[in-house]
Amino acid sequence: MNEVYNTQPEQAPQPQKPSNSLAISIIGTVLCWPIGLWGLLKSVKVNSLWASGNHAEAYKAASSARTLGIVSIIVGAIVSVIAFFASLALQMAVLDEIDEIDDYYYEDIYEDYDDDDYYYW
């Protein structure tokens, strides 16, 4: 009858601190600042919520920060591609207009220039 019983209650394992996704939020802020800034504020809030003991809120803020960071990266990439092609189209339109202006201007000059006046040997 030498059985030893543990009378101390078992402690629940400590939950692991969530990643605040700060790098994703910073990249997202650079690419699309309205959404990225919102994600950045959420990611900064994760550490303070964890330190204050609000673990559920910290996990929720970390999830929101990651989601907002990814969304801002995707939106920023799409807007950048659209802006690139719009800029390219605008440049092509301007160059075409310049070419038409040159044709109009030089057309008058070449009308006065008659090849019959000159003799080629």
N, C-alpha and C. Protein backbone atom coordinates (compact mmCIF):
# COMPACT_ATOMS: atom_id res chain seq x y z
N MET A 1 0.80 -1.17 0.00
CA MET A 1 0.00 0.00 0.00
C MET A 1 0.86 1.26 0.00
N ASN A 2 1.87 1.20 -0.72
CA ASN A 2 2.73 2.38 -0.84
C ASN A 2 2.42 3.15 -2.12
N GLU A 3 1.19 3.34 -2.42
CA GLU A 3 0.81 4.08 -3.61
C GLU A 3 0.86 5.58 -3.32
N VAL A 4 1.42 6.28 -4.27
CA VAL A 4 1.53 7.74 -4.12
C VAL A 4 0.58 8.37 -5.13
N TYR A 5 -0.22 9.24 -4.62
CA TYR A 5 -1.18 9.92 -5.48
C TYR A 5 -0.73 11.38 -5.63
N ASN A 6 -0.87 11.84 -6.83
CA ASN A 6 -0.55 13.24 -7.11
C ASN A 6 -1.79 14.06 -6.77
N THR A 7 -1.67 14.90 -5.80
CA THR A 7 -2.82 15.68 -5.36
C THR A 7 -2.88 17.05 -6.05
N GLN A 8 -1.85 17.40 -6.79
CA GLN A 8 -1.85 18.69 -7.48
C GLN A 8 -2.62 18.56 -8.79
N PRO A 9 -3.44 19.54 -9.09
CA PRO A 9 -4.19 19.48 -10.35
C PRO A 9 -3.25 19.66 -11.55
N GLU A 10 -3.58 18.96 -12.63
CA GLU A 10 -2.77 19.12 -13.83
C GLU A 10 -3.02 20.49 -14.44
N GLN A 11 -1.94 21.11 -14.87
CA GLN A 11 -2.08 22.42 -15.49
C GLN A 11 -2.32 22.23 -16.98
N ALA A 12 -3.21 23.04 -17.50
CA ALA A 12 -3.48 22.99 -18.94
C ALA A 12 -2.26 23.51 -19.68
N PRO A 13 -1.96 22.94 -20.83
CA PRO A 13 -0.80 23.45 -21.57
C PRO A 13 -1.04 24.89 -22.03
N GLN A 14 0.02 25.65 -21.98
CA GLN A 14 -0.07 27.06 -22.38
C GLN A 14 -0.28 27.14 -23.89
N PRO A 15 -1.21 27.96 -24.32
CA PRO A 15 -1.40 28.12 -25.77
C PRO A 15 -0.19 28.84 -26.38
N GLN A 16 0.07 28.50 -27.62
CA GLN A 16 1.20 29.10 -28.31
C GLN A 16 0.83 30.48 -28.83
N LYS A 17 1.76 31.40 -28.70
CA LYS A 17 1.52 32.78 -29.13
C LYS A 17 1.38 32.81 -30.66
N PRO A 18 0.34 33.48 -31.18
CA PRO A 18 0.14 33.52 -32.63
C PRO A 18 1.14 34.45 -33.31
N SER A 19 1.42 34.15 -34.57
CA SER A 19 2.28 35.02 -35.36
C SER A 19 1.51 36.30 -35.69
N ASN A 20 2.18 37.42 -35.58
CA ASN A 20 1.48 38.68 -35.85
C ASN A 20 1.48 39.07 -37.32
N SER A 21 2.17 38.33 -38.18
CA SER A 21 2.21 38.57 -39.64
C SER A 21 2.60 40.00 -39.97
N LEU A 22 3.57 40.51 -39.26
CA LEU A 22 3.99 41.90 -39.45
C LEU A 22 4.61 42.11 -40.83
N ALA A 23 5.43 41.17 -41.30
CA ALA A 23 6.09 41.33 -42.60
C ALA A 23 5.06 41.37 -43.73
N ILE A 24 4.08 40.48 -43.68
CA ILE A 24 3.04 40.46 -44.71
C ILE A 24 2.26 41.78 -44.68
N SER A 25 1.99 42.28 -43.49
CA SER A 25 1.24 43.54 -43.37
C SER A 25 2.03 44.73 -43.90
N ILE A 26 3.35 44.73 -43.69
CA ILE A 26 4.18 45.83 -44.19
C ILE A 26 4.23 45.80 -45.71
N ILE A 27 4.42 44.61 -46.29
CA ILE A 27 4.43 44.49 -47.75
C ILE A 27 3.07 44.90 -48.32
N GLY A 28 2.01 44.48 -47.67
CA GLY A 28 0.67 44.86 -48.10
C GLY A 28 0.43 46.35 -48.01
N THR A 29 1.00 46.99 -46.99
CA THR A 29 0.85 48.44 -46.84
C THR A 29 1.56 49.17 -47.97
N VAL A 30 2.70 48.65 -48.41
CA VAL A 30 3.43 49.27 -49.51
C VAL A 30 2.64 49.13 -50.82
N LEU A 31 2.03 47.97 -51.04
CA LEU A 31 1.33 47.73 -52.31
C LEU A 31 -0.07 48.34 -52.36
N CYS A 32 -0.79 48.28 -51.26
CA CYS A 32 -2.15 48.83 -51.23
C CYS A 32 -2.39 49.37 -49.82
N TRP A 33 -2.08 50.64 -49.62
CA TRP A 33 -2.03 51.17 -48.27
C TRP A 33 -3.36 51.17 -47.51
N PRO A 34 -4.53 51.38 -48.13
CA PRO A 34 -5.74 51.40 -47.30
C PRO A 34 -6.01 50.08 -46.59
N ILE A 35 -5.90 48.99 -47.31
CA ILE A 35 -6.14 47.68 -46.70
C ILE A 35 -4.93 47.26 -45.86
N GLY A 36 -3.74 47.52 -46.38
CA GLY A 36 -2.52 47.12 -45.68
C GLY A 36 -2.34 47.82 -44.34
N LEU A 37 -2.74 49.08 -44.27
CA LEU A 37 -2.63 49.81 -43.01
C LEU A 37 -3.57 49.22 -41.95
N TRP A 38 -4.74 48.83 -42.38
CA TRP A 38 -5.68 48.18 -41.47
C TRP A 38 -5.09 46.87 -40.95
N GLY A 39 -4.48 46.09 -41.84
CA GLY A 39 -3.81 44.85 -41.42
C GLY A 39 -2.62 45.11 -40.52
N LEU A 40 -1.88 46.18 -40.80
CA LEU A 40 -0.73 46.54 -39.97
C LEU A 40 -1.16 46.89 -38.55
N LEU A 41 -2.25 47.62 -38.42
CA LEU A 41 -2.76 47.96 -37.09
C LEU A 41 -3.20 46.71 -36.33
N LYS A 42 -3.82 45.77 -37.05
CA LYS A 42 -4.22 44.51 -36.41
C LYS A 42 -3.00 43.70 -35.97
N SER A 43 -1.96 43.66 -36.80
CA SER A 43 -0.78 42.87 -36.45
C SER A 43 -0.01 43.47 -35.27
N VAL A 44 -0.03 44.78 -35.16
CA VAL A 44 0.63 45.42 -34.00
C VAL A 44 -0.16 45.14 -32.73
N LYS A 45 -1.47 45.00 -32.86
CA LYS A 45 -2.32 44.77 -31.71
C LYS A 45 -2.18 43.36 -31.12
N VAL A 46 -1.67 42.42 -31.92
CA VAL A 46 -1.57 41.02 -31.48
C VAL A 46 -0.72 40.88 -30.23
N ASN A 47 0.45 41.48 -30.20
CA ASN A 47 1.36 41.34 -29.05
C ASN A 47 0.77 41.93 -27.77
N SER A 48 0.12 43.08 -27.89
CA SER A 48 -0.45 43.70 -26.68
C SER A 48 -1.64 42.89 -26.16
N LEU A 49 -2.44 42.34 -27.06
CA LEU A 49 -3.55 41.49 -26.63
C LEU A 49 -3.05 40.22 -25.95
N TRP A 50 -2.00 39.64 -26.49
CA TRP A 50 -1.43 38.42 -25.90
C TRP A 50 -0.86 38.70 -24.52
N ALA A 51 -0.17 39.83 -24.39
CA ALA A 51 0.44 40.18 -23.11
C ALA A 51 -0.62 40.48 -22.05
N SER A 52 -1.76 41.00 -22.47
CA SER A 52 -2.81 41.31 -21.49
C SER A 52 -3.66 40.08 -21.14
N GLY A 53 -3.42 38.97 -21.81
CA GLY A 53 -4.13 37.74 -21.48
C GLY A 53 -5.36 37.47 -22.33
N ASN A 54 -5.64 38.32 -23.28
CA ASN A 54 -6.77 38.11 -24.19
C ASN A 54 -6.32 37.22 -25.34
N HIS A 55 -6.17 35.93 -25.06
CA HIS A 55 -5.64 35.01 -26.06
C HIS A 55 -6.58 34.83 -27.25
N ALA A 56 -7.87 34.76 -26.99
CA ALA A 56 -8.82 34.58 -28.09
C ALA A 56 -8.81 35.80 -29.02
N GLU A 57 -8.77 36.99 -28.43
CA GLU A 57 -8.71 38.21 -29.24
C GLU A 57 -7.39 38.32 -29.99
N ALA A 58 -6.31 37.84 -29.38
CA ALA A 58 -5.01 37.87 -30.05
C ALA A 58 -5.02 36.95 -31.28
N TYR A 59 -5.62 35.75 -31.15
CA TYR A 59 -5.72 34.85 -32.29
C TYR A 59 -6.60 35.46 -33.39
N LYS A 60 -7.68 36.11 -32.99
CA LYS A 60 -8.58 36.73 -33.96
C LYS A 60 -7.86 37.88 -34.69
N ALA A 61 -7.12 38.69 -33.95
CA ALA A 61 -6.38 39.80 -34.56
C ALA A 61 -5.28 39.29 -35.48
N ALA A 62 -4.62 38.19 -35.09
CA ALA A 62 -3.58 37.61 -35.94
C ALA A 62 -4.16 37.08 -37.24
N SER A 63 -5.30 36.43 -37.14
CA SER A 63 -5.96 35.91 -38.34
C SER A 63 -6.39 37.05 -39.25
N SER A 64 -6.95 38.10 -38.67
CA SER A 64 -7.36 39.27 -39.46
C SER A 64 -6.17 39.95 -40.11
N ALA A 65 -5.07 40.06 -39.37
CA ALA A 65 -3.88 40.72 -39.90
C ALA A 65 -3.33 39.94 -41.10
N ARG A 66 -3.28 38.64 -40.99
CA ARG A 66 -2.77 37.81 -42.09
C ARG A 66 -3.70 37.92 -43.31
N THR A 67 -4.99 37.82 -43.08
CA THR A 67 -5.96 37.91 -44.18
C THR A 67 -5.88 39.27 -44.87
N LEU A 68 -5.86 40.33 -44.09
CA LEU A 68 -5.80 41.68 -44.67
C LEU A 68 -4.48 41.91 -45.41
N GLY A 69 -3.39 41.37 -44.87
CA GLY A 69 -2.11 41.50 -45.56
C GLY A 69 -2.10 40.81 -46.91
N ILE A 70 -2.64 39.60 -46.96
CA ILE A 70 -2.69 38.85 -48.22
C ILE A 70 -3.62 39.55 -49.21
N VAL A 71 -4.77 40.01 -48.74
CA VAL A 71 -5.71 40.70 -49.63
C VAL A 71 -5.08 41.97 -50.18
N SER A 72 -4.37 42.72 -49.35
CA SER A 72 -3.76 43.97 -49.82
C SER A 72 -2.64 43.69 -50.82
N ILE A 73 -1.91 42.60 -50.65
CA ILE A 73 -0.88 42.23 -51.62
C ILE A 73 -1.52 41.88 -52.96
N ILE A 74 -2.59 41.11 -52.93
CA ILE A 74 -3.27 40.72 -54.18
C ILE A 74 -3.87 41.93 -54.87
N VAL A 75 -4.58 42.77 -54.11
CA VAL A 75 -5.20 43.97 -54.71
C VAL A 75 -4.12 44.90 -55.25
N GLY A 76 -3.05 45.08 -54.51
CA GLY A 76 -1.96 45.95 -54.98
C GLY A 76 -1.31 45.43 -56.25
N ALA A 77 -1.14 44.11 -56.35
CA ALA A 77 -0.56 43.53 -57.55
C ALA A 77 -1.49 43.71 -58.75
N ILE A 78 -2.78 43.48 -58.55
CA ILE A 78 -3.74 43.64 -59.65
C ILE A 78 -3.80 45.09 -60.12
N VAL A 79 -3.85 46.02 -59.18
CA VAL A 79 -3.90 47.44 -59.53
C VAL A 79 -2.62 47.86 -60.24
N SER A 80 -1.48 47.34 -59.82
CA SER A 80 -0.21 47.67 -60.46
C SER A 80 -0.17 47.17 -61.90
N VAL A 81 -0.66 45.98 -62.14
CA VAL A 81 -0.68 45.44 -63.51
C VAL A 81 -1.63 46.26 -64.39
N ILE A 82 -2.80 46.59 -63.87
CA ILE A 82 -3.75 47.41 -64.63
C ILE A 82 -3.15 48.79 -64.93
N ALA A 83 -2.50 49.39 -63.95
CA ALA A 83 -1.88 50.71 -64.15
C ALA A 83 -0.76 50.64 -65.18
N PHE A 84 0.00 49.55 -65.18
CA PHE A 84 1.08 49.39 -66.15
C PHE A 84 0.52 49.35 -67.57
N PHE A 85 -0.51 48.52 -67.79
CA PHE A 85 -1.07 48.41 -69.12
C PHE A 85 -1.82 49.67 -69.55
N ALA A 86 -2.45 50.36 -68.62
CA ALA A 86 -3.10 51.63 -68.94
C ALA A 86 -2.06 52.67 -69.33
N SER A 87 -0.95 52.70 -68.64
CA SER A 87 0.13 53.62 -68.97
C SER A 87 0.71 53.31 -70.34
N LEU A 88 0.87 52.03 -70.62
CA LEU A 88 1.38 51.61 -71.93
C LEU A 88 0.42 52.02 -73.05
N ALA A 89 -0.87 51.83 -72.84
CA ALA A 89 -1.86 52.22 -73.84
C ALA A 89 -1.87 53.74 -74.04
N LEU A 90 -1.74 54.48 -72.97
CA LEU A 90 -1.71 55.94 -73.07
C LEU A 90 -0.47 56.41 -73.84
N GLN A 91 0.67 55.80 -73.58
CA GLN A 91 1.89 56.17 -74.30
C GLN A 91 1.76 55.86 -75.78
N MET A 92 1.15 54.73 -76.10
CA MET A 92 0.96 54.38 -77.52
C MET A 92 0.01 55.36 -78.19
N ALA A 93 -1.03 55.79 -77.50
CA ALA A 93 -1.98 56.75 -78.07
C ALA A 93 -1.30 58.10 -78.30
N VAL A 94 -0.48 58.52 -77.38
CA VAL A 94 0.22 59.80 -77.53
C VAL A 94 1.20 59.73 -78.69
N LEU A 95 1.94 58.63 -78.80
CA LEU A 95 2.88 58.49 -79.91
C LEU A 95 2.16 58.45 -81.25
N ASP A 96 1.01 57.81 -81.30
CA ASP A 96 0.23 57.78 -82.53
C ASP A 96 -0.25 59.19 -82.90
N GLU A 97 -0.66 59.95 -81.91
CA GLU A 97 -1.12 61.33 -82.16
C GLU A 97 0.04 62.20 -82.64
N ILE A 98 1.22 62.00 -82.07
CA ILE A 98 2.40 62.76 -82.52
C ILE A 98 2.73 62.41 -83.96
N ASP A 99 2.60 61.14 -84.30
CA ASP A 99 2.87 60.71 -85.67
C ASP A 99 1.88 61.34 -86.64
N GLU A 100 0.62 61.44 -86.27
CA GLU A 100 -0.37 62.08 -87.13
C GLU A 100 -0.09 63.58 -87.29
N ILE A 101 0.35 64.22 -86.23
CA ILE A 101 0.69 65.65 -86.32
C ILE A 101 1.87 65.84 -87.25
N ASP A 102 2.88 64.98 -87.15
CA ASP A 102 4.04 65.07 -88.03
C ASP A 102 3.64 64.86 -89.49
N ASP A 103 2.78 63.89 -89.74
CA ASP A 103 2.33 63.64 -91.11
C ASP A 103 1.60 64.86 -91.67
N TYR A 104 0.77 65.48 -90.87
CA TYR A 104 0.01 66.64 -91.31
C TYR A 104 0.95 67.82 -91.60
N TYR A 105 1.91 68.03 -90.72
CA TYR A 105 2.84 69.15 -90.88
C TYR A 105 3.73 68.96 -92.10
N TYR A 106 4.30 67.79 -92.25
CA TYR A 106 5.23 67.56 -93.35
C TYR A 106 4.52 67.36 -94.69
N GLU A 107 3.23 67.10 -94.67
CA GLU A 107 2.48 66.95 -95.91
C GLU A 107 2.46 68.25 -96.70
N ASP A 108 2.32 69.37 -96.03
CA ASP A 108 2.32 70.67 -96.70
C ASP A 108 3.68 70.99 -97.29
N ILE A 109 4.72 70.62 -96.62
CA ILE A 109 6.07 70.91 -97.11
C ILE A 109 6.35 70.10 -98.36
N TYR A 110 5.98 68.84 -98.38
CA TYR A 110 6.27 67.98 -99.52
C TYR A 110 5.38 68.27 -100.72
N GLU A 111 4.25 68.90 -100.53
CA GLU A 111 3.41 69.28 -101.67
C GLU A 111 4.09 70.35 -102.52
N ASP A 112 4.80 71.26 -101.89
CA ASP A 112 5.48 72.32 -102.61
C ASP A 112 6.76 71.83 -103.28
N TYR A 113 7.20 70.71 -102.93
CA TYR A 113 8.45 70.17 -103.42
C TYR A 113 8.14 69.26 -104.60
N ASP A 114 8.47 69.70 -105.79
CA ASP A 114 8.14 68.95 -106.99
C ASP A 114 9.38 68.26 -107.53
N ASP A 115 9.25 67.00 -107.85
CA ASP A 115 10.40 66.24 -108.33
C ASP A 115 10.79 66.62 -109.76
N ASP A 116 9.90 67.18 -110.53
CA ASP A 116 10.21 67.54 -111.91
C ASP A 116 11.16 68.72 -112.00
N ASP A 117 11.26 69.48 -110.93
CA ASP A 117 12.14 70.66 -110.97
C ASP A 117 13.61 70.28 -110.86
N TYR A 118 13.88 69.09 -110.47
CA TYR A 118 15.25 68.67 -110.24
C TYR A 118 15.60 67.58 -111.24
N TYR A 119 16.82 67.63 -111.71
CA TYR A 119 17.28 66.64 -112.66
C TYR A 119 18.26 65.72 -111.95
N TYR A 120 18.08 64.47 -112.18
CA TYR A 120 18.98 63.51 -111.58
C TYR A 120 19.87 62.96 -112.68
N TRP A 121 21.12 63.00 -112.53
CA TRP A 121 22.08 62.54 -113.54
C TRP A 121 22.45 61.13 -113.31
